[in-house]
């Protein structure tokens, strides 16, 4: 993540003749220790666009996965997971 952030910042700064970081802080990660913390973090992430008054409802934010969590019919991803597993093996077999 750091490499991506630094590379883009370097490109952007050269292109627009500026210096310094593009974003306020560095990327942070947090170890999730329990279900309560996971629920809080998921809620926090999904509600950010509403907190910032970018949308009225979290499902209106097009860059969010929130709608996936609400769509009960789309919860069954067994076929999708099996397809990914097959593709993964094909890619790794060709690379070897």
C-alpha atoms as a PDB file:
ATOM      1  CA  UNK A   1       0.000   0.000   0.000  1.00  0.00           C
ATOM      2  CA  UNK A   2       2.844   2.319   0.841  1.00  0.00           C
ATOM      3  CA  UNK A   3       4.487   1.810  -2.558  1.00  0.00           C
ATOM      4  CA  UNK A   4       1.263   2.591  -4.400  1.00  0.00           C
ATOM      5  CA  UNK A   5       0.667   5.701  -2.315  1.00  0.00           C
ATOM      6  CA  UNK A   6       4.239   6.973  -2.719  1.00  0.00           C
ATOM      7  CA  UNK A   7       4.369   6.272  -6.459  1.00  0.00           C
ATOM      8  CA  UNK A   8       1.114   8.090  -7.099  1.00  0.00           C
ATOM      9  CA  UNK A   9       2.148  11.020  -4.897  1.00  0.00           C
ATOM     10  CA  UNK A  10       5.444  11.313  -6.800  1.00  0.00           C
ATOM     11  CA  UNK A  11       3.634  11.218 -10.162  1.00  0.00           C
ATOM     12  CA  UNK A  12       1.013  13.757  -9.059  1.00  0.00           C
ATOM     13  CA  UNK A  13       3.596  16.127  -7.560  1.00  0.00           C
ATOM     14  CA  UNK A  14       5.750  16.079 -10.703  1.00  0.00           C
ATOM     15  CA  UNK A  15       2.745  16.535 -12.989  1.00  0.00           C
ATOM     16  CA  UNK A  16       1.360  19.511 -11.046  1.00  0.00           C
ATOM     17  CA  UNK A  17       4.650  21.010  -9.809  1.00  0.00           C
ATOM     18  CA  UNK A  18       3.955  20.551  -6.136  1.00  0.00           C
ATOM     19  CA  UNK A  19       5.652  18.944  -3.121  1.00  0.00           C
ATOM     20  CA  UNK A  20       4.641  16.949  -0.092  1.00  0.00           C
ATOM     21  CA  UNK A  21       2.112  14.249   0.720  1.00  0.00           C
ATOM     22  CA  UNK A  22      -1.231  14.106  -1.053  1.00  0.00           C
ATOM     23  CA  UNK A  23      -3.183  12.678   1.848  1.00  0.00           C
ATOM     24  CA  UNK A  24      -3.256  13.727   5.472  1.00  0.00           C
ATOM     25  CA  UNK A  25      -1.958  10.564   7.046  1.00  0.00           C
ATOM     26  CA  UNK A  26      -0.390   7.230   6.317  1.00  0.00           C
ATOM     27  CA  UNK A  27      -2.270   4.007   5.697  1.00  0.00           C
ATOM     28  CA  UNK A  28      -3.262   2.371   8.978  1.00  0.00           C
ATOM     29  CA  UNK A  29      -4.286  -1.154   9.722  1.00  0.00           C
ATOM     30  CA  UNK A  30      -5.998  -2.513  12.795  1.00  0.00           C
ATOM     31  CA  UNK A  31      -6.090  -6.057  14.095  1.00  0.00           C
ATOM     32  CA  UNK A  32      -9.724  -7.044  14.559  1.00  0.00           C
ATOM     33  CA  UNK A  33      -9.918  -9.088  17.753  1.00  0.00           C
ATOM     34  CA  UNK A  34     -13.615  -9.907  18.013  1.00  0.00           C
ATOM     35  CA  UNK A  35     -16.990  -9.774  16.283  1.00  0.00           C
ATOM     36  CA  UNK A  36     -18.021  -6.614  18.134  1.00  0.00           C
ATOM     37  CA  UNK A  37     -14.995  -4.743  16.809  1.00  0.00           C
ATOM     38  CA  UNK A  38     -15.622  -6.083  13.285  1.00  0.00           C
ATOM     39  CA  UNK A  39     -19.227  -4.897  13.444  1.00  0.00           C
ATOM     40  CA  UNK A  40     -18.135  -1.445  14.645  1.00  0.00           C
ATOM     41  CA  UNK A  41     -15.514  -1.085  11.886  1.00  0.00           C
ATOM     42  CA  UNK A  42     -17.942  -2.247   9.199  1.00  0.00           C
ATOM     43  CA  UNK A  43     -20.563   0.204  10.439  1.00  0.00           C
ATOM     44  CA  UNK A  44     -17.985   3.010  10.557  1.00  0.00           C
ATOM     45  CA  UNK A  45     -16.802   2.374   6.997  1.00  0.00           C
ATOM     46  CA  UNK A  46     -20.292   2.086   5.534  1.00  0.00           C
ATOM     47  CA  UNK A  47     -21.588   5.184   7.312  1.00  0.00           C
ATOM     48  CA  UNK A  48     -18.653   7.460   6.371  1.00  0.00           C
ATOM     49  CA  UNK A  49     -20.367   8.836   3.215  1.00  0.00           C
ATOM     50  CA  UNK A  50     -23.491   9.701   5.214  1.00  0.00           C
ATOM     51  CA  UNK A  51     -21.472  11.275   8.024  1.00  0.00           C
ATOM     52  CA  UNK A  52     -19.743  13.485   5.442  1.00  0.00           C
ATOM     53  CA  UNK A  53     -23.163  14.380   3.932  1.00  0.00           C
ATOM     54  CA  UNK A  54     -22.150  12.934   0.557  1.00  0.00           C
ATOM     55  CA  UNK A  55     -25.327  10.823   0.437  1.00  0.00           C
ATOM     56  CA  UNK A  56     -28.455  10.468   2.536  1.00  0.00           C
ATOM     57  CA  UNK A  57     -28.282   6.689   2.904  1.00  0.00           C
ATOM     58  CA  UNK A  58     -25.225   4.389   2.853  1.00  0.00           C
ATOM     59  CA  UNK A  59     -26.730   2.290   0.035  1.00  0.00           C
ATOM     60  CA  UNK A  60     -26.687   5.402  -2.175  1.00  0.00           C
ATOM     61  CA  UNK A  61     -22.875   5.559  -2.150  1.00  0.00           C
ATOM     62  CA  UNK A  62     -21.837   3.828  -5.385  1.00  0.00           C
ATOM     63  CA  UNK A  63     -18.307   3.040  -4.182  1.00  0.00           C
ATOM     64  CA  UNK A  64     -19.498   1.035  -1.192  1.00  0.00           C
ATOM     65  CA  UNK A  65     -20.074  -2.683  -0.719  1.00  0.00           C
ATOM     66  CA  UNK A  66     -22.993  -1.874   1.586  1.00  0.00           C
ATOM     67  CA  UNK A  67     -25.603  -2.947  -0.984  1.00  0.00           C
ATOM     68  CA  UNK A  68     -23.953  -6.383  -1.172  1.00  0.00           C
ATOM     69  CA  UNK A  69     -24.540  -6.817   2.555  1.00  0.00           C
ATOM     70  CA  UNK A  70     -28.203  -5.899   2.167  1.00  0.00           C
ATOM     71  CA  UNK A  71     -28.925  -8.071  -0.865  1.00  0.00           C
ATOM     72  CA  UNK A  72     -30.018 -11.298   0.757  1.00  0.00           C
ATOM     73  CA  UNK A  73     -30.440 -13.154  -2.552  1.00  0.00           C
ATOM     74  CA  UNK A  74     -26.845 -12.410  -3.535  1.00  0.00           C
ATOM     75  CA  UNK A  75     -25.406 -13.955  -0.340  1.00  0.00           C
ATOM     76  CA  UNK A  76     -24.905 -17.376  -1.915  1.00  0.00           C
ATOM     77  CA  UNK A  77     -21.475 -17.052  -3.502  1.00  0.00           C
ATOM     78  CA  UNK A  78     -20.646 -20.766  -3.606  1.00  0.00           C
ATOM     79  CA  UNK A  79     -20.530 -20.943  -7.414  1.00  0.00           C
ATOM     80  CA  UNK A  80     -18.514 -17.759  -7.581  1.00  0.00           C
ATOM     81  CA  UNK A  81     -16.023 -19.049  -5.003  1.00  0.00           C
ATOM     82  CA  UNK A  82     -15.645 -22.330  -6.897  1.00  0.00           C
ATOM     83  CA  UNK A  83     -15.014 -20.447 -10.151  1.00  0.00           C
ATOM     84  CA  UNK A  84     -12.318 -18.363  -8.462  1.00  0.00           C
ATOM     85  CA  UNK A  85     -10.667 -21.490  -7.073  1.00  0.00           C
ATOM     86  CA  UNK A  86     -10.602 -23.086 -10.536  1.00  0.00           C
ATOM     87  CA  UNK A  87      -9.165 -19.927 -12.119  1.00  0.00           C
ATOM     88  CA  UNK A  88      -6.539 -19.662  -9.385  1.00  0.00           C
ATOM     89  CA  UNK A  89      -5.321 -23.188 -10.121  1.00  0.00           C
ATOM     90  CA  UNK A  90      -5.225 -22.524 -13.863  1.00  0.00           C
ATOM     91  CA  UNK A  91      -3.175 -19.360 -13.385  1.00  0.00           C
ATOM     92  CA  UNK A  92      -0.711 -20.973 -10.981  1.00  0.00           C
ATOM     93  CA  UNK A  93      -0.321 -24.114 -13.116  1.00  0.00           C
ATOM     94  CA  UNK A  94       0.588 -22.044 -16.188  1.00  0.00           C
ATOM     95  CA  UNK A  95       3.057 -19.926 -14.204  1.00  0.00           C
ATOM     96  CA  UNK A  96       4.974 -22.897 -12.824  1.00  0.00           C
END
